[in-house]
Protein backbone atom coordinates (compact mmCIF):
# COMPACT_ATOMS: atom_id res chain seq x y z
CA UNK A 1 125.33 65.43 73.92
CA UNK A 2 126.08 68.19 76.43
CA UNK A 3 123.28 70.36 75.01
CA UNK A 4 120.84 67.46 75.35
CA UNK A 5 121.79 67.11 79.01
CA UNK A 6 121.16 70.83 79.58
CA UNK A 7 117.80 70.61 77.82
CA UNK A 8 116.82 67.57 79.85
CA UNK A 9 117.83 69.33 83.05
CA UNK A 10 115.79 72.41 82.11
CA UNK A 11 112.72 70.27 81.43
CA UNK A 12 113.07 68.54 84.79
CA UNK A 13 113.37 71.92 86.52
CA UNK A 14 110.27 73.20 84.70
CA UNK A 15 108.28 70.14 85.71
CA UNK A 16 109.39 70.43 89.31
CA UNK A 17 108.62 74.13 89.63
CA UNK A 18 105.46 74.27 87.54
CA UNK A 19 104.10 77.68 86.62
CA UNK A 20 101.66 80.27 87.83
CA UNK A 21 99.42 82.81 86.15
CA UNK A 22 97.74 86.08 87.07
CA UNK A 23 94.58 87.45 85.45
CA UNK A 24 93.54 91.04 86.19
CA UNK A 25 90.53 92.92 84.84
CA UNK A 26 88.10 95.72 85.61
CA UNK A 27 84.44 96.02 84.71
CA UNK A 28 82.51 99.28 84.59
CA UNK A 29 78.79 99.18 85.28
CA UNK A 30 78.94 96.15 87.56
CA UNK A 31 78.50 95.10 91.18
CA UNK A 32 78.95 92.15 93.51
CA UNK A 33 76.05 89.71 93.78
CA UNK A 34 74.68 89.69 97.32
CA UNK A 35 74.02 86.58 99.40
CA UNK A 36 70.25 86.65 98.96
CA UNK A 37 70.61 86.53 95.19
CA UNK A 38 73.08 83.65 95.46
CA UNK A 39 70.48 81.64 97.34
CA UNK A 40 68.13 81.81 94.35
CA UNK A 41 70.11 79.09 92.55
CA UNK A 42 69.45 75.60 93.90
CA UNK A 43 73.01 74.35 93.39
CA UNK A 44 74.33 77.30 95.41
CA UNK A 45 71.89 76.62 98.26
CA UNK A 46 73.06 73.02 98.37
CA UNK A 47 76.73 73.87 98.79
CA UNK A 48 78.34 73.32 102.15
CA UNK A 49 79.07 76.42 104.22
CA UNK A 50 82.88 76.21 103.70
CA UNK A 51 82.45 76.10 99.91
CA UNK A 52 80.06 79.05 100.02
CA UNK A 53 82.57 81.03 102.07
CA UNK A 54 85.34 80.39 99.55
CA UNK A 55 83.42 81.01 96.33
CA UNK A 56 80.09 82.78 96.61
CA UNK A 57 81.47 86.25 97.32
CA UNK A 58 83.14 86.61 93.92
CA UNK A 59 80.09 86.66 91.64
CA UNK A 60 79.40 89.75 89.55
CA UNK A 61 76.37 91.19 87.79
CA UNK A 62 75.41 94.41 86.02
CA UNK A 63 75.31 97.46 88.28
CA UNK A 64 76.52 101.00 88.78
CA UNK A 65 80.03 100.51 90.12
CA UNK A 66 83.60 99.67 89.18
CA UNK A 67 84.60 96.07 89.91
CA UNK A 68 88.23 94.93 89.92
CA UNK A 69 89.13 91.26 89.48
CA UNK A 70 92.45 89.75 90.56
CA UNK A 71 92.82 86.02 89.94
CA UNK A 72 96.02 84.09 90.62
CA UNK A 73 96.63 80.42 89.97
CA UNK A 74 99.63 78.33 91.02
CA UNK A 75 99.99 74.97 89.26
CA UNK A 76 102.30 73.76 92.01
CA UNK A 77 104.80 71.01 91.36
CA UNK A 78 103.89 69.33 88.07
CA UNK A 79 105.28 66.06 89.41
CA UNK A 80 102.78 66.15 92.27
CA UNK A 81 99.02 65.60 92.27
CA UNK A 82 96.36 68.02 93.53
CA UNK A 83 98.72 70.67 94.87
CA UNK A 84 97.39 73.52 92.73
CA UNK A 85 96.39 76.70 94.53
CA UNK A 86 94.28 79.76 93.77
CA UNK A 87 93.88 83.29 95.09
CA UNK A 88 90.90 85.48 94.20
CA UNK A 89 90.28 89.13 95.10
CA UNK A 90 87.13 90.91 93.91
CA UNK A 91 86.75 94.61 94.72
CA UNK A 92 83.64 96.75 94.22
CA UNK A 93 84.26 100.51 94.28
CA UNK A 94 81.22 102.77 94.40
CA UNK A 95 82.93 106.14 94.14
CA UNK A 96 86.51 107.06 93.32
CA UNK A 97 88.74 109.74 91.84
CA UNK A 98 91.74 109.01 89.67
CA UNK A 99 95.05 109.30 91.56
CA UNK A 100 93.27 109.68 94.91
CA UNK A 101 93.76 106.91 97.51
CA UNK A 102 90.58 105.12 98.63
CA UNK A 103 90.40 103.58 102.08
CA UNK A 104 89.57 99.88 102.01
CA UNK A 105 87.31 100.18 105.05
CA UNK A 106 85.39 103.18 103.72
CA UNK A 107 81.76 102.98 102.73
CA UNK A 108 82.78 103.22 99.08
CA UNK A 109 84.54 99.83 98.95
CA UNK A 110 83.34 96.26 99.32
CA UNK A 111 85.58 93.31 98.62
CA UNK A 112 85.86 89.56 98.85
CA UNK A 113 89.08 87.57 99.15
CA UNK A 114 89.72 83.84 99.21
CA UNK A 115 92.61 81.48 98.62
CA UNK A 116 93.29 77.82 99.07
CA UNK A 117 93.68 74.44 97.44
CA UNK A 118 92.06 74.15 94.01
CA UNK A 119 91.96 70.37 94.21
CA UNK A 120 90.22 70.35 97.58
CA UNK A 121 87.91 73.37 97.33
CA UNK A 122 84.88 71.06 97.71
CA UNK A 123 86.20 70.22 101.19
CA UNK A 124 86.54 73.88 102.13
CA UNK A 125 90.35 73.90 102.22
CA UNK A 126 91.15 77.61 102.27
CA UNK A 127 90.66 81.01 103.88
CA UNK A 128 88.44 83.99 103.12
CA UNK A 129 88.27 87.66 104.09
CA UNK A 130 85.70 90.46 103.98
CA UNK A 131 87.39 92.95 106.29
CA UNK A 132 90.67 94.77 105.98
CA UNK A 133 92.54 98.05 106.08
CA UNK A 134 94.78 100.02 103.76
CA UNK A 135 94.42 101.99 100.56
CA UNK A 136 93.78 101.48 96.86
CA UNK A 137 94.73 104.04 94.22
CA UNK A 138 93.46 103.98 90.64
CA UNK A 139 95.40 105.49 87.75
CA UNK A 140 94.13 105.77 84.18
CA UNK A 141 96.93 104.74 81.80
CA UNK A 142 94.84 104.66 78.61
CA UNK A 143 94.30 101.85 76.10
CA UNK A 144 91.34 100.59 78.18
CA UNK A 145 93.71 99.85 81.05
CA UNK A 146 93.97 101.02 84.65
CA UNK A 147 96.89 100.84 87.05
CA UNK A 148 95.75 99.65 90.47
CA UNK A 149 98.06 100.35 93.40
CA UNK A 150 97.21 98.34 96.51
CA UNK A 151 98.69 98.54 99.98
CA UNK A 152 96.18 96.56 102.03
CA UNK A 153 95.96 94.07 104.89
CA UNK A 154 93.16 91.51 105.00
CA UNK A 155 92.02 89.41 107.96
CA UNK A 156 91.67 85.91 106.49
CA UNK A 157 89.71 83.24 108.36
CA UNK A 158 89.53 79.47 107.75
CA UNK A 159 86.51 78.46 105.70
CA UNK A 160 86.31 74.88 106.97
CA UNK A 161 87.57 72.52 109.64
CA UNK A 162 90.81 71.75 107.79
CA UNK A 163 93.66 73.06 109.97
CA UNK A 164 94.16 76.49 108.44
CA UNK A 165 94.79 79.30 110.89
CA UNK A 166 93.45 82.84 110.90
CA UNK A 167 96.08 85.12 109.44
CA UNK A 168 96.67 88.58 108.01
CA UNK A 169 97.26 88.71 104.27
CA UNK A 170 99.35 91.70 103.14
CA UNK A 171 99.03 92.78 99.53
CA UNK A 172 101.33 95.53 98.32
CA UNK A 173 101.58 95.62 94.56
CA UNK A 174 100.77 97.49 91.37
CA UNK A 175 98.68 95.72 88.75
CA UNK A 176 97.66 96.71 85.25
CA UNK A 177 94.03 95.68 84.79
CA UNK A 178 92.36 95.43 81.38
CA UNK A 179 88.74 96.25 80.68
CA UNK A 180 86.34 93.31 80.67
CA UNK A 181 82.60 93.06 79.98
CA UNK A 182 79.99 91.13 81.95
CA UNK A 183 79.17 88.80 79.07
CA UNK A 184 82.77 87.59 78.86
CA UNK A 185 82.96 86.40 82.46
CA UNK A 186 83.83 82.76 83.13
CA UNK A 187 83.47 80.70 86.33
CA UNK A 188 87.14 81.46 87.07
CA UNK A 189 86.49 85.19 86.77
CA UNK A 190 83.08 85.78 88.33
CA UNK A 191 80.04 83.63 87.54
CA UNK A 192 78.67 80.70 89.51
CA UNK A 193 78.97 77.15 88.21
CA UNK A 194 77.44 73.91 89.52
CA UNK A 195 80.98 72.51 89.64
CA UNK A 196 83.02 74.38 92.29
CA UNK A 197 86.25 73.18 90.66
CA UNK A 198 85.59 75.29 87.56
CA UNK A 199 85.69 78.40 89.72
CA UNK A 200 89.22 77.75 91.03
CA UNK A 201 90.92 76.66 87.79
CA UNK A 202 91.54 79.11 84.90
């Protein structure tokens, strides 16, 4: 009976806390899709400005650069409704050397960052950033994996009228990123979808 009580308590704790996930990849021979190309799709043109600001900067196509994808999803409290959150960081690096720090505000780096409420992305609930400072270092650890060291600060601005405030997002972490190919991308990782919700849920 005691063991059943412990199990029941653990299940309640799991439901209350929920769980989160992180997906990290890199793609060689890729690049970010620019705004003019995004406008070629009718469903992207019809999006509201806040939705465009949260999502449209993360799309990827074939190119000549290294693109790093960091996708984080928080399921929130499993006893609550629509409190899931996402965080997406897409980095395009034109030139780099292994083990040599690259400045985020150099001409060799472009990036897009956004985070917010997955359940309310269609209302523009979130922040985005295209400017920041700091350094990124790339290490080759073999097995089609890279170690990405980031010590960066991003200036995040509200995408819509929902009361988010401008803030600085600090990211200081090391991530192992696995190689990915363009044809394996999903809406969560880097292709546009007529349903914005598919881009903020794994």
